Protein backbone atom coordinates (compact mmCIF):
# COMPACT_ATOMS: atom_id res chain seq x y z
CA MET A 1 11.85 -11.62 3.18
CA PRO A 2 14.30 -14.63 2.16
CA ASP A 3 14.13 -17.66 4.21
CA ARG A 4 17.50 -17.44 5.63
CA PHE A 5 19.95 -14.27 6.19
CA GLU A 6 23.54 -14.76 5.22
CA ILE A 7 25.39 -13.10 7.81
CA VAL A 8 27.79 -10.71 6.11
CA GLY A 9 31.09 -9.86 7.48
CA ARG A 10 32.03 -12.64 9.80
CA SER A 11 31.16 -15.93 9.87
CA SER A 12 27.87 -17.10 11.52
CA PRO A 13 28.53 -17.13 15.44
CA GLN A 14 27.52 -20.13 17.37
CA LEU A 15 25.30 -18.25 20.06
CA ASP A 16 25.71 -18.89 23.46
CA LEU A 17 22.61 -20.17 24.62
CA ARG A 18 23.56 -20.45 28.38
CA VAL A 19 21.11 -18.47 30.80
CA ASP A 20 23.89 -16.15 31.61
CA ASP A 21 22.00 -13.72 33.91
CA LEU A 22 18.55 -14.14 32.27
CA PRO A 23 15.81 -16.65 32.82
CA PRO A 24 15.88 -19.63 30.54
CA PRO A 25 12.34 -18.36 29.58
CA THR A 26 13.56 -14.90 28.80
CA VAL A 27 16.36 -16.27 26.83
CA ARG A 28 14.08 -18.74 24.64
CA GLU A 29 11.68 -15.60 24.19
CA LEU A 30 14.86 -13.32 22.84
CA HIS A 31 16.20 -16.09 20.09
CA ARG A 32 12.50 -16.30 19.08
CA GLN A 33 11.90 -12.96 18.29
CA ASN A 34 15.43 -12.59 16.78
CA PRO A 35 15.21 -15.56 14.47
CA TRP A 36 18.22 -13.88 12.36
CA TRP A 37 20.60 -14.69 15.10
CA GLU A 38 20.97 -18.25 13.90
CA GLY A 39 19.91 -18.05 10.28
CA ARG A 40 16.47 -18.79 10.76
CA SER A 41 13.72 -17.18 8.88
CA ALA A 42 11.29 -14.57 10.40
CA ARG A 43 7.28 -14.79 10.02
CA PRO A 44 6.14 -13.73 6.49
CA ILE A 45 5.51 -10.30 6.14
CA PRO A 46 3.27 -8.33 4.05
CA ALA A 47 5.03 -6.56 0.70
CA PHE A 48 2.91 -3.06 1.27
CA ARG A 49 4.83 -0.54 3.06
CA ARG A 50 2.81 2.23 4.65
CA TRP A 51 4.51 5.85 4.25
CA PRO A 52 6.89 6.12 7.48
CA PHE A 53 9.32 3.25 6.00
CA ALA A 54 11.14 5.50 3.65
CA LYS A 55 11.67 8.00 6.10
CA LEU A 56 12.19 5.70 9.30
CA ARG A 57 14.62 4.05 7.13
CA GLU A 58 16.56 7.05 6.25
CA ARG A 59 16.86 8.17 10.33
CA LEU A 60 17.94 4.96 11.09
CA LEU A 61 20.79 5.01 8.28
CA ARG A 62 21.61 8.88 9.04
CA PRO A 63 19.84 9.70 12.16
CA LEU A 64 19.10 12.99 13.60
CA ALA A 65 18.59 12.11 17.02
CA PRO A 66 19.90 9.10 18.93
CA VAL A 67 16.09 8.01 19.69
CA LEU A 68 13.36 7.10 16.74
CA VAL A 69 10.07 7.05 18.16
CA LEU A 70 7.06 5.73 15.81
CA ARG A 71 4.11 6.74 17.73
CA GLY A 72 0.38 5.58 16.89
CA PRO A 73 -3.01 3.57 17.75
CA ARG A 74 -2.72 -0.40 17.92
CA GLN A 75 -3.30 -2.01 14.53
CA VAL A 76 -2.26 0.80 12.32
CA GLY A 77 1.04 -1.28 11.14
CA LYS A 78 3.57 -0.35 13.57
CA THR A 79 5.08 -3.71 14.29
CA THR A 80 4.69 -4.92 10.94
CA LEU A 81 7.29 -1.41 9.66
CA LEU A 82 9.53 -2.34 12.33
CA GLU A 83 9.81 -5.96 10.89
CA GLN A 84 9.77 -4.49 7.24
CA LEU A 85 12.67 -2.36 8.35
CA VAL A 86 14.61 -5.46 10.14
CA GLY A 87 14.21 -7.14 6.84
CA ALA A 88 15.39 -4.00 4.88
CA LEU A 89 18.67 -3.89 6.97
CA LEU A 90 19.39 -7.77 6.43
CA ARG A 91 18.63 -7.77 2.99
CA ASP A 92 19.29 -4.53 1.25
CA GLU A 93 21.83 -3.05 3.63
CA ARG A 94 23.39 -6.36 4.14
CA ILE A 95 23.84 -5.72 8.12
CA PRO A 96 25.20 -8.75 9.82
CA PRO A 97 22.27 -10.32 12.01
CA HIS A 98 24.20 -10.10 15.29
CA ARG A 99 23.92 -6.06 14.91
CA ILE A 100 19.93 -6.25 15.33
CA PHE A 101 17.99 -6.46 18.36
CA ARG A 102 14.46 -6.64 18.79
CA VAL A 103 12.39 -7.00 21.64
CA GLN A 104 8.39 -6.98 21.60
CA PHE A 105 7.04 -5.47 25.00
CA ASP A 106 3.32 -6.15 24.41
CA GLU A 107 3.25 -9.25 26.51
CA LEU A 108 4.74 -8.59 29.79
CA ALA A 109 4.66 -12.08 31.32
CA TRP A 110 8.33 -12.94 30.23
CA LEU A 111 9.42 -9.84 31.72
CA ALA A 112 8.25 -9.95 35.11
CA LYS A 113 11.70 -11.27 36.28
CA LEU A 114 13.74 -8.94 34.91
CA GLY A 115 13.63 -6.15 37.82
CA ASP A 116 13.09 -2.36 37.64
CA ASP A 117 15.27 -1.89 34.49
CA PRO A 118 14.45 -4.77 31.98
CA ILE A 119 15.68 -2.43 29.00
CA LEU A 120 19.30 -2.04 30.60
CA ARG A 121 19.43 -5.43 31.59
CA LEU A 122 18.25 -6.86 28.13
CA VAL A 123 20.57 -4.63 25.99
CA SER A 124 23.32 -5.43 28.68
CA TRP A 125 23.06 -9.33 27.76
CA TYR A 126 22.55 -8.77 24.12
CA GLU A 127 25.86 -6.82 24.03
CA ARG A 128 27.75 -9.63 25.90
CA VAL A 129 26.12 -12.98 24.50
CA VAL A 130 24.62 -11.94 21.06
CA PHE A 131 26.86 -8.94 19.82
CA ARG A 132 29.86 -10.04 21.61
CA GLY A 133 31.87 -7.05 21.26
CA ASP A 134 31.85 -3.42 22.74
CA LEU A 135 28.99 -1.28 21.09
CA ASN A 136 30.62 2.04 21.60
CA GLU A 137 33.67 0.51 19.64
CA SER A 138 31.94 -1.05 16.93
CA ALA A 139 29.98 2.18 16.32
CA ALA A 140 33.08 4.40 16.11
CA ARG A 141 33.83 2.00 13.37
CA GLY A 142 30.59 2.56 11.49
CA GLU A 143 29.22 -0.26 12.26
CA PRO A 144 26.49 0.56 14.85
CA ALA A 145 24.15 -2.08 16.46
CA PHE A 146 20.13 -1.29 15.58
CA VAL A 147 17.82 -1.59 18.84
CA PHE A 148 14.11 -2.26 17.99
CA LEU A 149 11.72 -1.61 21.21
CA ASP A 150 8.57 -2.24 20.34
CA GLU A 151 5.61 -1.18 22.39
CA VAL A 152 7.75 0.16 24.92
CA GLN A 153 5.19 2.45 26.65
CA ASN A 154 4.11 -0.83 28.65
CA LEU A 155 7.30 -0.40 30.78
CA ASP A 156 6.49 2.35 33.66
CA ASN A 157 10.30 3.89 33.28
CA TRP A 158 10.71 3.34 29.61
CA HIS A 159 12.13 6.72 28.92
CA THR A 160 14.65 7.20 31.90
CA GLN A 161 16.10 3.54 30.65
CA ILE A 162 16.47 4.73 27.23
CA LYS A 163 18.06 8.09 28.08
CA ALA A 164 20.72 5.99 30.37
CA LEU A 165 21.22 3.89 27.59
CA VAL A 166 21.41 6.39 24.46
CA ASP A 167 23.72 8.88 27.08
CA HIS A 168 26.36 5.79 27.38
CA THR A 169 26.14 3.59 24.62
CA ALA A 170 26.34 4.58 20.79
CA GLY A 171 23.95 3.10 18.57
CA ARG A 172 20.51 3.44 16.58
CA VAL A 173 17.58 2.80 18.86
CA LEU A 174 13.96 2.92 17.80
CA VAL A 175 11.07 2.61 19.81
CA THR A 176 7.03 2.28 19.08
CA GLY A 177 4.30 3.23 20.96
CA SER A 178 0.49 3.18 21.14
CA SER A 179 -0.11 5.60 24.55
CA ALA A 180 0.00 9.34 23.56
CA LEU A 181 0.88 10.52 27.17
CA ARG A 182 3.09 7.91 27.88
CA ILE A 183 5.41 8.33 24.72
CA ALA A 184 4.73 12.21 25.62
CA ARG A 185 6.38 11.87 29.04
CA GLY A 186 9.45 10.29 27.70
CA ARG A 187 9.76 13.12 24.98
CA ASP A 188 9.94 15.41 27.48
CA SER A 189 12.84 13.49 29.63
CA LEU A 190 14.56 13.05 26.40
CA ALA A 191 14.53 16.63 25.21
CA GLY A 192 17.37 16.77 22.67
CA ARG A 193 17.83 13.09 22.16
CA ILE A 194 14.29 12.13 20.22
CA GLN A 195 12.88 12.55 16.92
CA MET A 196 9.16 11.72 16.44
CA ILE A 197 6.92 10.21 14.00
CA GLU A 198 3.44 10.15 13.98
CA MET A 199 1.41 7.72 12.43
CA GLY A 200 -2.21 7.03 11.95
CA PRO A 201 -4.94 4.74 10.41
CA MET A 202 -4.60 4.70 6.39
CA ARG A 203 -5.57 7.23 4.31
CA PRO A 204 -7.43 7.18 0.55
CA ALA A 205 -3.61 7.54 -1.03
CA GLU A 206 -2.37 4.18 1.03
CA ILE A 207 -5.59 2.59 0.48
CA ALA A 208 -5.28 2.98 -3.23
CA ALA A 209 -1.68 1.55 -3.20
CA LEU A 210 -3.16 -1.16 -0.70
CA ARG A 211 -5.84 -2.33 -3.13
CA GLY A 212 -3.76 -2.08 -6.24
CA LEU A 213 -5.43 0.92 -7.76
CA GLY A 214 -2.94 2.77 -8.93
CA ASP A 215 -0.69 5.79 -7.60
CA LEU A 216 -2.54 8.17 -5.86
CA PRO A 217 0.24 10.82 -4.58
CA SER A 218 -0.62 12.99 -1.83
CA TYR A 219 -0.50 17.15 -2.67
CA GLN A 220 2.32 18.44 0.06
CA GLY A 221 3.94 15.55 1.28
CA ALA A 222 6.10 16.37 4.62
CA ASN A 223 6.57 19.87 3.94
CA GLY A 224 5.54 21.69 6.98
CA TYR A 225 2.92 24.01 7.28
CA GLU A 226 3.86 27.39 5.98
CA ALA A 227 2.66 27.08 2.72
CA TRP A 228 -0.89 26.77 4.36
CA ARG A 229 -0.82 30.55 4.69
CA ASP A 230 -1.48 31.23 1.07
CA GLU A 231 -5.21 30.72 -0.19
CA GLU A 232 -4.02 29.43 -3.67
CA PHE A 233 -2.25 26.70 -2.21
CA TRP A 234 -5.85 25.52 -1.27
CA ARG A 235 -7.12 26.17 -4.67
CA GLY A 236 -4.20 23.97 -5.58
CA LEU A 237 -5.39 21.33 -3.68
CA ALA A 238 -8.79 21.26 -4.82
CA ALA A 239 -7.14 21.16 -8.21
CA HIS A 240 -4.79 17.90 -7.56
CA GLY A 241 -8.15 16.06 -6.49
CA GLU A 242 -10.03 16.87 -9.79
CA ARG A 243 -6.72 16.07 -11.71
CA TYR A 244 -6.84 12.36 -9.77
CA ARG A 245 -10.81 12.02 -9.46
CA ALA A 246 -11.40 8.53 -10.81
CA LEU A 247 -8.71 7.21 -8.72
CA ARG A 248 -9.71 9.52 -5.68
CA ASP A 249 -12.67 8.43 -5.80
CA ALA A 250 -12.57 4.94 -5.87
CA ALA A 251 -10.08 4.86 -2.85
CA PHE A 252 -12.22 7.36 -1.07
CA ALA A 253 -15.01 4.83 -1.74
CA LEU A 254 -13.20 2.09 0.15
CA PHE A 255 -12.21 4.39 2.91
CA ALA A 256 -16.10 5.67 3.55
CA GLU A 257 -16.82 1.84 3.66
CA ARG A 258 -14.07 -0.02 5.65
CA GLY A 259 -12.03 3.11 7.44
CA GLY A 260 -8.02 2.92 7.56
CA TYR A 261 -6.94 0.16 9.63
CA PRO A 262 -4.86 -2.12 7.44
CA LEU A 263 -7.02 -5.31 8.41
CA ALA A 264 -10.23 -3.74 7.52
CA HIS A 265 -8.79 -4.12 3.80
CA ARG A 266 -8.10 -7.75 3.48
CA GLU A 267 -10.24 -8.57 0.70
CA GLY A 268 -12.55 -11.40 -0.14
CA VAL A 269 -13.65 -10.97 4.22
CA ALA A 270 -17.15 -10.06 5.02
CA TRP A 271 -17.90 -6.74 6.95
CA GLU A 272 -19.21 -8.66 10.24
CA GLU A 273 -16.02 -10.62 10.68
CA ILE A 274 -13.97 -7.30 10.23
CA ALA A 275 -16.00 -5.52 12.42
CA ASP A 276 -15.40 -8.36 15.07
CA GLN A 277 -12.00 -8.42 14.58
CA LEU A 278 -11.61 -4.42 14.94
CA VAL A 279 -13.19 -4.59 18.27
CA GLN A 280 -11.37 -7.42 19.79
CA THR A 281 -7.78 -6.16 18.11
CA VAL A 282 -8.67 -2.52 18.69
CA VAL A 283 -11.39 -1.48 20.99
CA ASP A 284 -10.76 -4.31 23.78
CA ARG A 285 -7.04 -4.39 23.93
CA VAL A 286 -7.25 -0.73 24.96
CA ILE A 287 -10.00 -1.40 27.08
CA GLU A 288 -8.53 -4.71 29.10
CA HIS A 289 -5.01 -4.22 28.42
CA ASP A 290 -4.14 -0.84 28.63
CA LEU A 291 -6.59 0.30 31.26
CA ARG A 292 -5.08 -2.43 33.57
CA LEU A 293 -1.62 -0.84 32.90
CA GLY A 294 -2.68 2.68 33.79
CA GLU A 295 -2.03 5.25 36.70
CA ARG A 296 -1.36 2.68 39.95
CA GLY A 297 -3.93 3.09 42.44
CA ARG A 298 -6.68 4.61 40.88
CA ARG A 299 -9.92 2.26 40.55
CA ARG A 300 -10.80 1.38 37.05
CA ASP A 301 -13.88 0.06 35.49
CA PRO A 302 -13.40 -1.52 31.99
CA VAL A 303 -17.44 -1.24 31.61
CA LEU A 304 -17.81 2.35 32.24
CA LEU A 305 -14.86 2.83 29.77
CA ARG A 306 -16.61 0.62 27.00
CA GLU A 307 -19.86 2.60 27.50
CA VAL A 308 -17.69 6.18 27.32
CA PHE A 309 -16.25 4.85 23.91
CA LYS A 310 -19.36 4.20 22.51
CA LEU A 311 -20.66 7.70 23.70
CA ALA A 312 -17.65 9.02 21.70
CA CYS A 313 -18.53 6.71 18.86
CA ARG A 314 -22.00 8.56 18.65
CA TYR A 315 -20.53 11.99 19.61
CA THR A 316 -17.95 11.59 17.05
CA GLY A 317 -17.75 15.34 15.31
CA GLN A 318 -19.60 17.01 18.11
CA ALA A 319 -18.49 18.57 21.48
CA PRO A 320 -21.03 17.60 24.16
CA SER A 321 -20.92 18.65 27.71
CA VAL A 322 -19.32 16.24 30.40
CA ARG A 323 -22.48 16.59 32.17
CA LYS A 324 -24.32 15.84 29.05
CA LEU A 325 -22.24 12.47 28.74
CA THR A 326 -22.33 11.79 32.42
CA GLU A 327 -25.67 11.81 31.87
CA ASP A 328 -26.18 9.32 29.16
CA VAL A 329 -23.57 6.99 30.83
CA GLN A 330 -26.07 6.69 33.70
CA LEU A 331 -28.88 5.51 31.73
CA VAL A 332 -27.07 2.25 30.95
CA HIS A 333 -24.27 2.19 33.70
CA ALA A 334 -25.22 1.16 37.05
CA GLY A 335 -21.57 2.27 38.58
CA ASN A 336 -19.95 5.28 39.87
CA ALA A 337 -20.10 7.50 37.08
CA GLY A 338 -19.57 11.39 37.92
CA PRO A 339 -18.35 13.58 35.52
CA GLN A 340 -14.93 13.67 37.00
CA ARG A 341 -14.82 10.00 36.00
CA VAL A 342 -16.20 10.34 32.80
CA ALA A 343 -13.62 12.96 31.84
CA HIS A 344 -10.98 11.20 33.18
CA TYR A 345 -11.99 8.12 30.74
CA LEU A 346 -12.54 10.43 27.46
CA ASP A 347 -9.03 11.76 28.41
CA PHE A 348 -7.82 8.01 28.65
CA LEU A 349 -9.10 7.40 25.15
CA HIS A 350 -7.60 10.19 24.25
CA GLN A 351 -3.96 9.09 25.12
CA SER A 352 -4.73 5.48 23.73
CA LEU A 353 -5.07 7.24 20.26
CA LEU A 354 -8.74 6.09 19.84
CA VAL A 355 -10.18 9.44 20.11
CA THR A 356 -8.92 12.78 19.28
CA LEU A 357 -9.96 15.84 21.65
CA VAL A 358 -10.02 19.23 20.22
CA ASP A 359 -9.86 22.06 22.54
CA PRO A 360 -11.79 25.21 22.54
CA LEU A 361 -10.38 28.09 20.70
CA GLU A 362 -8.32 30.07 23.54
CA ILE A 363 -9.55 33.05 22.98
CA GLN A 364 -13.37 31.48 23.91
CA LEU A 365 -11.76 30.33 27.03
CA ARG A 366 -11.43 33.81 28.99
CA ARG A 367 -15.13 33.96 28.52
CA MET A 368 -16.51 30.57 29.20
CA ARG A 369 -15.62 27.00 29.99
CA ALA A 370 -16.53 25.31 26.85
CA PRO A 371 -16.28 21.35 26.25
CA LYS A 372 -13.45 19.67 23.70
CA LYS A 373 -14.73 18.39 20.48
CA ILE A 374 -14.72 14.76 20.22
CA CYS A 375 -13.01 12.70 16.96
CA LEU A 376 -12.87 9.14 16.58
CA THR A 377 -9.51 8.27 15.23
CA ASP A 378 -11.16 5.92 12.52
CA HIS A 379 -14.44 6.06 11.87
CA ALA A 380 -14.80 2.18 11.07
CA LEU A 381 -14.55 1.76 14.76
CA ARG A 382 -17.98 3.33 15.35
CA ALA A 383 -19.56 1.07 12.72
CA ALA A 384 -17.83 -2.09 14.19
CA ILE A 385 -18.66 -1.55 17.84
CA LEU A 386 -22.25 0.34 17.40
CA ARG A 387 -22.98 -1.99 14.36
CA GLU A 388 -24.23 1.17 12.55
CA GLU A 389 -23.55 1.81 9.15
CA VAL A 390 -23.66 5.58 7.87
CA PRO A 391 -22.82 5.38 4.09
CA LEU A 392 -20.36 8.42 3.33
CA ALA A 393 -19.26 8.14 -0.05
CA ARG A 394 -23.03 7.22 -1.69
CA PRO A 395 -25.96 9.60 -1.43
CA VAL A 396 -28.68 8.55 0.87
CA GLU A 397 -32.45 10.00 1.40
CA ASP A 398 -32.84 9.56 4.79
CA PRO A 399 -32.25 12.64 6.76
CA ARG A 400 -31.16 11.06 9.82
CA LEU A 401 -28.25 9.18 7.71
CA ALA A 402 -27.24 12.38 5.87
CA GLU A 403 -27.20 14.35 9.27
CA LEU A 404 -24.91 11.52 11.01
CA ALA A 405 -22.86 11.52 7.67
CA GLY A 406 -22.35 15.06 8.23
CA ARG A 407 -21.09 14.19 11.86
CA ILE A 408 -18.47 11.77 10.72
CA ALA A 409 -17.24 13.71 8.21
CA GLU A 410 -16.65 16.54 10.61
CA GLY A 411 -14.95 13.95 13.03
CA ILE A 412 -12.78 12.72 10.13
CA VAL A 413 -11.27 15.92 9.19
CA GLY A 414 -10.86 16.75 12.96
CA ALA A 415 -8.81 13.70 13.45
CA TYR A 416 -6.91 13.83 10.31
CA LEU A 417 -5.66 17.28 11.31
CA GLY A 418 -5.04 16.39 15.04
CA SER A 419 -2.87 14.07 14.06
CA MET A 420 -0.67 16.32 12.31
CA PRO A 421 2.66 16.99 14.58
CA GLY A 422 3.22 20.44 15.54
CA LEU A 423 -0.24 21.62 14.16
CA VAL A 424 -2.37 23.89 16.52
CA LEU A 425 -6.03 23.15 16.35
CA ALA A 426 -9.26 24.21 17.94
CA TRP A 427 -12.59 24.57 17.31
CA ARG A 428 -14.79 27.93 18.23
CA PRO A 429 -18.36 27.64 19.98
CA GLU A 430 -20.89 29.87 19.36
CA ARG A 431 -20.33 33.06 21.42
CA SER A 432 -21.76 36.53 21.42
CA GLY A 433 -24.04 36.43 18.60
CA LYS A 434 -20.85 34.73 16.74
CA PRO A 435 -21.60 31.14 14.83
CA GLU A 436 -19.78 27.94 15.89
CA LEU A 437 -17.16 27.12 13.71
CA ASP A 438 -15.77 23.95 12.96
CA TYR A 439 -12.39 24.22 13.28
CA VAL A 440 -9.42 26.79 13.40
CA ALA A 441 -5.84 25.90 12.23
CA THR A 442 -3.09 28.17 13.43
CA VAL A 443 0.04 28.49 11.55
CA GLY A 444 2.67 31.31 13.01
CA ASP A 445 0.33 33.95 13.53
CA GLN A 446 -2.57 33.37 10.94
CA ARG A 447 -5.77 31.74 11.84
CA ILE A 448 -7.44 29.32 8.96
CA PRO A 449 -10.82 28.88 9.72
CA ILE A 450 -12.17 25.31 8.82
CA GLU A 451 -16.07 24.88 7.94
CA VAL A 452 -17.49 21.14 7.18
CA LYS A 453 -20.71 20.84 5.39
CA TYR A 454 -20.90 17.34 4.22
CA GLN A 455 -24.17 17.60 2.16
CA ARG A 456 -25.81 17.52 -1.05
CA ARG A 457 -26.42 21.39 -1.41
CA ILE A 458 -24.74 24.32 -0.16
CA ASP A 459 -26.29 27.26 0.69
CA PRO A 460 -24.26 30.05 -0.70
CA VAL A 461 -25.06 32.18 1.97
CA ARG A 462 -25.81 30.35 5.24
CA ASP A 463 -23.43 27.51 4.99
CA ILE A 464 -20.14 30.04 4.93
CA ALA A 465 -21.73 32.56 7.42
CA ALA A 466 -19.50 30.97 10.36
CA LEU A 467 -16.21 31.54 7.89
CA ARG A 468 -16.88 34.98 6.70
CA SER A 469 -17.67 36.14 9.98
CA PHE A 470 -14.36 34.65 11.32
CA VAL A 471 -12.30 36.42 8.65
CA GLU A 472 -14.32 39.93 8.88
CA GLU A 473 -13.42 39.55 12.58
CA LEU A 474 -10.20 38.74 12.96
CA GLY A 475 -8.90 40.43 9.53
CA GLU A 476 -5.29 40.05 9.13
CA ARG A 477 -4.70 37.27 11.08
CA ALA A 478 -7.62 35.50 9.17
CA LEU A 479 -7.18 36.02 5.06
CA PHE A 480 -9.43 33.49 4.03
CA GLY A 481 -11.46 30.32 4.97
CA LEU A 482 -11.87 26.79 4.13
CA LEU A 483 -15.26 25.22 3.19
CA VAL A 484 -14.97 21.39 3.11
CA THR A 485 -17.35 20.10 1.03
CA ARG A 486 -19.18 16.56 0.14
CA SER A 487 -18.30 16.88 -3.81
CA ASP A 488 -16.66 18.89 -6.27
CA GLY A 489 -17.69 21.72 -8.02
CA VAL A 490 -19.22 23.90 -5.44
CA ILE A 491 -19.02 27.53 -6.35
CA VAL A 492 -18.85 30.24 -3.42
CA ASP A 493 -19.14 33.79 -4.33
CA ASP A 494 -17.04 35.28 -1.66
CA PRO A 495 -13.66 35.10 -2.94
CA ARG A 496 -11.89 34.86 0.74
CA ILE A 497 -13.58 31.32 0.97
CA VAL A 498 -12.33 28.12 -0.93
CA ALA A 499 -14.10 25.26 -1.37
CA VAL A 500 -12.19 21.88 -0.89
CA PRO A 501 -14.06 18.30 -1.54
CA LEU A 502 -13.37 16.18 1.66
CA PRO A 503 -11.88 13.29 -0.95
CA SER A 504 -9.10 15.86 -2.21
CA PHE A 505 -8.93 17.50 1.53
CA LEU A 506 -7.54 13.84 2.42
CA LEU A 507 -5.04 14.08 -0.06
CA LEU A 508 -3.56 16.88 1.70
CA SER A 509 -0.51 14.69 3.21
């Protein structure tokens, strides 16, 4: 980003620094967050752009809906993407600075005196004091304002305010959020007015680009799930991984060692420092900030939440019962830790996008109540908070570590698939003598069973028994199964089973 942005299309305005109807601290904060209004430089921004950048830019310039929402966990780069978009609009698209308005809602202290509808009040102030014109008339001339609202879910009624805004005011609105539930509520009330883009931690292809290893293309991109119904699609994915094997393995080794948070891939920084930073900026931020902003009237225990999260780390890739989790918590926590509260806190971690919970397959629910499978959003959080490193990319002789690696790999697959918008994902518990199945993806009326066997040797009979049983049980509804393995070259005699190594599987999209 250049030191200063030239205002295109009109001379640089002498901005009105009067309070108008906003408190002076708020006015000063808005000018600090929007330095381009006065021709000042913004903070330095990383050159590396995560995958949603191009799609967000396209949708801002050629929108499909009035509101664009970018949702993802804390520290995956949402704010950086927003700043990169501002820079691109100013520099590349030559948008005049007065047409860009950004507000960061992550810290609410300076917003405390703005009343019940801070978004509407802020936009009204922006229109009068900075834009100095009518937003609707400007949009009609093809000169819309761009409004960026970062971490907007921290406001209780953000969606009703944005609904009122876009129903009566033309413009391009981009909001970011790190709470699944609060953003989902907004999606419900903004039906027909919103386009949602999901962004999780980086996967190996992005890590390869960030670390300068080379171009490691994804196999599918954003082309929907219809092609998944064909087993040749999955054989093609395995071949795609083989084609880029050296680069794929180098990127996967970095992913296995450090996970997918961008801050974890700062070169020359020891893992101990990275781990401390992950705990402080990701885990502690959710526990100390997001929990405080939860449902009013409910007593909240941050110590209990931390213990529940530690258990989620230990049980990633597994489906422990709430009773088991409660018993484990009660061993270390002296407070009120009943099953209902533990279940509520586990759901809160899911809402905060630290954990993905995978439901049991619905056909199983008719017979018994099965627990949800726990999948960490990023396995580096486990290593950071438990201070226990489990090698994923290099072989280990210790059977305990090998078993842990298998569970973590199963959690990685669940979190990866669970982050894909619109994909129906479940797991099948053991029932009626039929073996447990790690995951079942549903595309249309077709089931795709998935078994993760992240181990050095594959038993050609035992390790595909669950997949074979499921395919034979459902017939036309499950034409084939996927076996996610540790390495290439796994040969399965049953032609209905497609083996895909985990490093290749993570190149899917």
